Amino acid sequence: MSTLRGMDHMRMARGHADPAVLSAQKRRVNEPHVAPLNALAAEISEATRHAVPKFDPTSGGIHARALLLLESPGPASTANTGSNIISPHNNDPTAEHIHILLRRNHIPFNRILLGSVVPWWLPAQAGKGRFRAPRTADIEEAALWLDRLLELLPRLETVMTLGRRAEAGLDRYRRRDRPFPYTTIAAPHPGNRAWNRPELRTGTEAAFASLAGLLLDVAGGAHPDPINHWTPTHL
């Protein structure tokens, strides 16, 4: 696969649907900007016995200025059914919508890092779907690892939560008396369930516009108040 072809696929949503593109991505997971993050992912997996996807080499990695937190990895991020990378290039609706919003708002992939409040796959019970939403116990177990992730991001300025459970997870984390010098943005999840509801989709779109504005602010510094893009009827 030529470098040009790989770049073209990264410009389009669902780039990981192309096996050659995904293979090229996997060869990059130990590049210096993501190697510490993927070492952490391996450490989490070994310590918890949970399946933890790797971080995206097209992201900013340890140089990211914004961390986008989903609730937990979806099937397209897992090793068995997907890319084994948590990425806006994955072959699923959530990743596609994130990709669209990043491109629409001119947010370079290398400015952001995509992750999850609970960084491991949460399979559902037999006969109850492919995965389940995080529970309080999952969020509590994951708090230590979110601490470790933030320690690896010295340029981080903004944390955006995507989904109610991601927001709740970050709120619980912040109540643990840790320093948290970041601007926060809260928005609906970009998966199909919320994306297909105009009042929620509008909030998600507005959140990415806010993120773009913050990334253009060369002065940096935390916003004095959380930025909440849930519509009034869903607050």
Protein backbone atom coordinates (compact mmCIF):
# COMPACT_ATOMS: atom_id res chain seq x y z
CA MET A 1 0.00 0.00 0.00
CA SER A 2 1.37 3.39 -0.93
CA THR A 3 1.73 6.14 1.65
CA LEU A 4 -0.60 8.30 -0.45
CA ARG A 5 -3.32 5.67 -0.40
CA GLY A 6 -3.03 5.36 3.37
CA MET A 7 -3.33 9.13 3.76
CA ASP A 8 -6.39 9.18 1.49
CA HIS A 9 -8.10 6.53 3.62
CA MET A 10 -7.35 8.46 6.80
CA ARG A 11 -9.19 11.42 5.29
CA MET A 12 -12.30 9.26 4.92
CA ALA A 13 -14.42 7.77 7.68
CA ARG A 14 -14.15 4.02 8.34
CA GLY A 15 -10.61 3.83 6.98
CA HIS A 16 -9.94 0.71 9.06
CA ALA A 17 -12.39 -1.20 6.88
CA ASP A 18 -9.51 -1.48 4.40
CA PRO A 19 -7.25 -4.35 5.60
CA ALA A 20 -4.16 -2.75 4.08
CA VAL A 21 -4.80 0.53 5.89
CA LEU A 22 -5.44 -1.25 9.18
CA SER A 23 -2.28 -3.32 8.76
CA ALA A 24 -0.27 -0.13 8.23
CA GLN A 25 -1.85 1.37 11.35
CA LYS A 26 -0.91 -1.65 13.44
CA ARG A 27 2.71 -1.37 12.31
CA ARG A 28 2.78 2.16 13.80
CA VAL A 29 1.53 1.43 17.33
CA ASN A 30 5.04 1.52 18.79
CA GLU A 31 6.01 4.88 17.33
CA PRO A 32 7.44 7.21 20.01
CA HIS A 33 4.36 9.41 20.38
CA VAL A 34 2.07 6.46 21.19
CA ALA A 35 4.49 3.87 22.58
CA PRO A 36 4.07 4.98 26.25
CA LEU A 37 0.28 4.95 25.88
CA ASN A 38 0.25 1.49 24.34
CA ALA A 39 2.62 0.22 27.01
CA LEU A 40 0.04 1.46 29.52
CA ALA A 41 -2.75 -0.32 27.60
CA ALA A 42 -0.76 -3.57 27.80
CA GLU A 43 -0.14 -3.01 31.51
CA ILE A 44 -3.86 -2.45 32.15
CA SER A 45 -4.75 -5.59 30.24
CA GLU A 46 -2.22 -7.68 32.18
CA ALA A 47 -3.24 -6.27 35.55
CA THR A 48 -7.01 -6.48 35.09
CA ARG A 49 -7.33 -9.40 32.65
CA HIS A 50 -9.59 -7.17 30.55
CA ALA A 51 -9.24 -6.65 26.80
CA VAL A 52 -7.81 -3.15 26.27
CA PRO A 53 -7.43 -1.73 22.74
CA LYS A 54 -4.36 0.21 21.69
CA PHE A 55 -4.26 3.95 21.10
CA ASP A 56 -4.37 5.34 17.58
CA PRO A 57 -1.01 6.20 15.96
CA THR A 58 -2.67 8.91 13.84
CA SER A 59 -3.58 10.72 17.08
CA GLY A 60 -1.41 13.20 18.92
CA GLY A 61 -0.51 10.49 21.40
CA ILE A 62 1.39 11.91 24.34
CA HIS A 63 1.40 15.32 22.61
CA ALA A 64 -2.41 15.58 22.44
CA ARG A 65 -4.02 18.82 23.58
CA ALA A 66 -7.51 17.32 23.89
CA LEU A 67 -8.66 13.98 25.28
CA LEU A 68 -11.99 12.68 23.98
CA LEU A 69 -13.45 10.15 26.39
CA LEU A 70 -16.08 7.66 25.30
CA GLU A 71 -17.76 5.37 27.81
CA SER A 72 -15.94 2.10 26.95
CA PRO A 73 -14.56 0.48 23.79
CA GLY A 74 -17.12 -0.81 21.29
CA PRO A 75 -16.90 -3.99 19.19
CA ALA A 76 -15.03 -2.21 16.36
CA SER A 77 -12.19 -1.50 18.81
CA THR A 78 -11.68 -5.07 20.00
CA ALA A 79 -9.12 -7.56 18.79
CA ASN A 80 -11.63 -10.30 17.97
CA THR A 81 -14.16 -8.30 15.94
CA GLY A 82 -12.38 -5.06 15.05
CA SER A 83 -9.13 -3.17 14.79
CA ASN A 84 -7.82 -3.53 18.37
CA ILE A 85 -7.30 0.24 18.21
CA ILE A 86 -9.59 2.90 19.67
CA SER A 87 -9.79 5.27 16.77
CA PRO A 88 -11.96 7.67 14.74
CA HIS A 89 -10.96 5.55 11.72
CA ASN A 90 -12.76 2.42 12.97
CA ASN A 91 -15.46 0.75 10.94
CA ASP A 92 -18.50 1.63 13.04
CA PRO A 93 -21.04 4.49 13.34
CA THR A 94 -19.57 6.07 16.49
CA ALA A 95 -16.11 6.36 14.95
CA GLU A 96 -17.59 7.55 11.67
CA HIS A 97 -19.46 10.38 13.38
CA ILE A 98 -16.39 11.43 15.37
CA HIS A 99 -14.36 11.42 12.16
CA ILE A 100 -16.97 13.57 10.40
CA LEU A 101 -17.04 16.10 13.24
CA LEU A 102 -13.26 16.34 13.49
CA ARG A 103 -12.98 16.94 9.75
CA ARG A 104 -15.92 19.36 9.65
CA ASN A 105 -14.39 21.47 12.41
CA HIS A 106 -10.85 21.31 10.98
CA ILE A 107 -9.52 19.55 14.06
CA PRO A 108 -6.33 17.66 13.11
CA PHE A 109 -6.14 14.08 14.34
CA ASN A 110 -2.73 14.85 15.85
CA ARG A 111 -4.26 17.39 18.25
CA ILE A 112 -6.51 14.87 19.96
CA LEU A 113 -6.44 11.48 21.65
CA LEU A 114 -9.47 9.20 21.70
CA GLY A 115 -9.96 7.07 24.79
CA SER A 116 -12.59 5.77 27.21
CA VAL A 117 -13.45 6.39 30.86
CA VAL A 118 -13.41 2.59 31.21
CA PRO A 119 -10.59 1.56 28.86
CA TRP A 120 -11.52 -2.09 28.48
CA TRP A 121 -14.11 -4.06 26.56
CA LEU A 122 -17.29 -4.83 28.55
CA PRO A 123 -18.90 -7.87 26.94
CA ALA A 124 -22.60 -8.39 27.60
CA GLN A 125 -24.08 -11.47 29.19
CA ALA A 126 -25.03 -14.22 26.79
CA GLY A 127 -28.10 -13.33 24.77
CA LYS A 128 -28.08 -9.67 25.83
CA GLY A 129 -26.19 -7.98 23.01
CA ARG A 130 -22.52 -7.63 22.18
CA PHE A 131 -21.45 -5.27 24.94
CA ARG A 132 -22.84 -3.49 27.99
CA ALA A 133 -22.57 0.01 29.38
CA PRO A 134 -20.12 0.75 32.23
CA ARG A 135 -21.37 0.30 35.77
CA THR A 136 -20.27 2.16 38.87
CA ALA A 137 -17.92 -0.69 39.81
CA ASP A 138 -16.27 -0.51 36.38
CA ILE A 139 -15.77 3.24 36.72
CA GLU A 140 -14.26 2.85 40.18
CA GLU A 141 -11.89 0.14 38.95
CA ALA A 142 -10.85 2.30 36.00
CA ALA A 143 -10.10 5.48 38.02
CA LEU A 144 -6.51 4.48 38.79
CA TRP A 145 -5.81 3.92 35.11
CA LEU A 146 -7.31 7.26 34.09
CA ASP A 147 -4.88 8.81 36.54
CA ARG A 148 -2.01 7.04 34.81
CA LEU A 149 -3.22 8.11 31.38
CA LEU A 150 -3.41 11.78 32.35
CA GLU A 151 0.13 11.61 33.71
CA LEU A 152 1.32 10.70 30.21
CA LEU A 153 -0.29 13.77 28.58
CA PRO A 154 1.79 16.82 29.55
CA ARG A 155 0.27 19.09 26.87
CA LEU A 156 -3.33 18.24 27.66
CA GLU A 157 -5.67 21.22 28.01
CA THR A 158 -9.20 19.91 27.36
CA VAL A 159 -11.12 16.76 28.29
CA MET A 160 -14.38 16.11 26.44
CA THR A 161 -16.80 13.40 27.60
CA LEU A 162 -19.09 11.79 25.05
CA GLY A 163 -22.08 10.17 26.70
CA ARG A 164 -23.73 10.26 30.12
CA ARG A 165 -21.66 7.42 31.57
CA ALA A 166 -18.44 9.01 30.35
CA GLU A 167 -19.50 12.26 32.02
CA ALA A 168 -20.46 10.43 35.23
CA GLY A 169 -17.15 8.57 35.20
CA LEU A 170 -15.13 11.74 34.90
CA ASP A 171 -17.22 13.40 37.63
CA ARG A 172 -16.51 10.50 40.00
CA TYR A 173 -12.83 10.68 39.12
CA ARG A 174 -12.69 14.41 39.84
CA ARG A 175 -14.27 13.91 43.27
CA ARG A 176 -11.23 11.89 44.37
CA ASP A 177 -9.31 15.05 45.32
CA ARG A 178 -6.86 14.95 42.41
CA PRO A 179 -5.54 18.01 40.57
CA PHE A 180 -7.58 18.53 37.42
CA PRO A 181 -6.39 21.65 35.57
CA TYR A 182 -8.32 21.01 32.37
CA THR A 183 -11.22 22.57 30.54
CA THR A 184 -14.12 20.11 30.38
CA ILE A 185 -16.75 19.69 27.69
CA ALA A 186 -19.75 17.37 28.12
CA ALA A 187 -21.79 16.16 25.15
CA PRO A 188 -24.10 13.36 24.03
CA HIS A 189 -22.56 10.15 22.73
CA PRO A 190 -21.95 10.14 18.95
CA GLY A 191 -23.37 6.63 18.44
CA ASN A 192 -26.46 6.05 16.35
CA ARG A 193 -28.90 6.05 19.26
CA ALA A 194 -28.18 9.72 20.08
CA TRP A 195 -27.02 10.76 16.61
CA ASN A 196 -30.44 9.98 15.16
CA ARG A 197 -32.16 12.27 17.68
CA PRO A 198 -31.79 15.84 16.38
CA GLU A 199 -31.78 17.50 19.80
CA LEU A 200 -28.90 15.27 20.96
CA ARG A 201 -26.98 15.35 17.70
CA THR A 202 -27.06 19.16 17.81
CA GLY A 203 -25.37 19.05 21.21
CA THR A 204 -22.62 16.74 19.97
CA GLU A 205 -22.02 18.93 16.93
CA ALA A 206 -21.83 22.03 19.13
CA ALA A 207 -19.33 20.33 21.44
CA PHE A 208 -16.90 19.68 18.60
CA ALA A 209 -17.27 23.30 17.50
CA SER A 210 -16.39 24.37 21.06
CA LEU A 211 -13.39 22.05 21.03
CA ALA A 212 -12.19 23.56 17.76
CA GLY A 213 -12.39 27.02 19.29
CA LEU A 214 -10.41 25.97 22.35
CA LEU A 215 -7.70 24.39 20.20
CA LEU A 216 -7.37 27.67 18.31
CA ASP A 217 -6.83 29.54 21.58
CA VAL A 218 -3.06 29.84 21.60
CA ALA A 219 -3.11 31.36 25.07
CA GLY A 220 -4.39 28.08 26.49
CA GLY A 221 -5.52 27.79 30.09
CA ALA A 222 -8.60 26.19 31.58
CA HIS A 223 -12.06 27.55 30.92
CA PRO A 224 -13.50 28.88 34.20
CA ASP A 225 -16.63 26.73 33.98
CA PRO A 226 -17.47 23.34 32.47
CA ILE A 227 -18.89 23.58 28.96
CA ASN A 228 -22.10 21.55 28.80
CA HIS A 229 -23.66 20.76 25.43
CA TRP A 230 -26.57 18.69 26.63
CA THR A 231 -29.79 20.36 25.56
CA PRO A 232 -31.96 21.76 28.39
CA THR A 233 -34.49 18.94 28.11
CA HIS A 234 -31.74 16.39 28.74
CA LEU A 235 -29.80 18.13 31.52
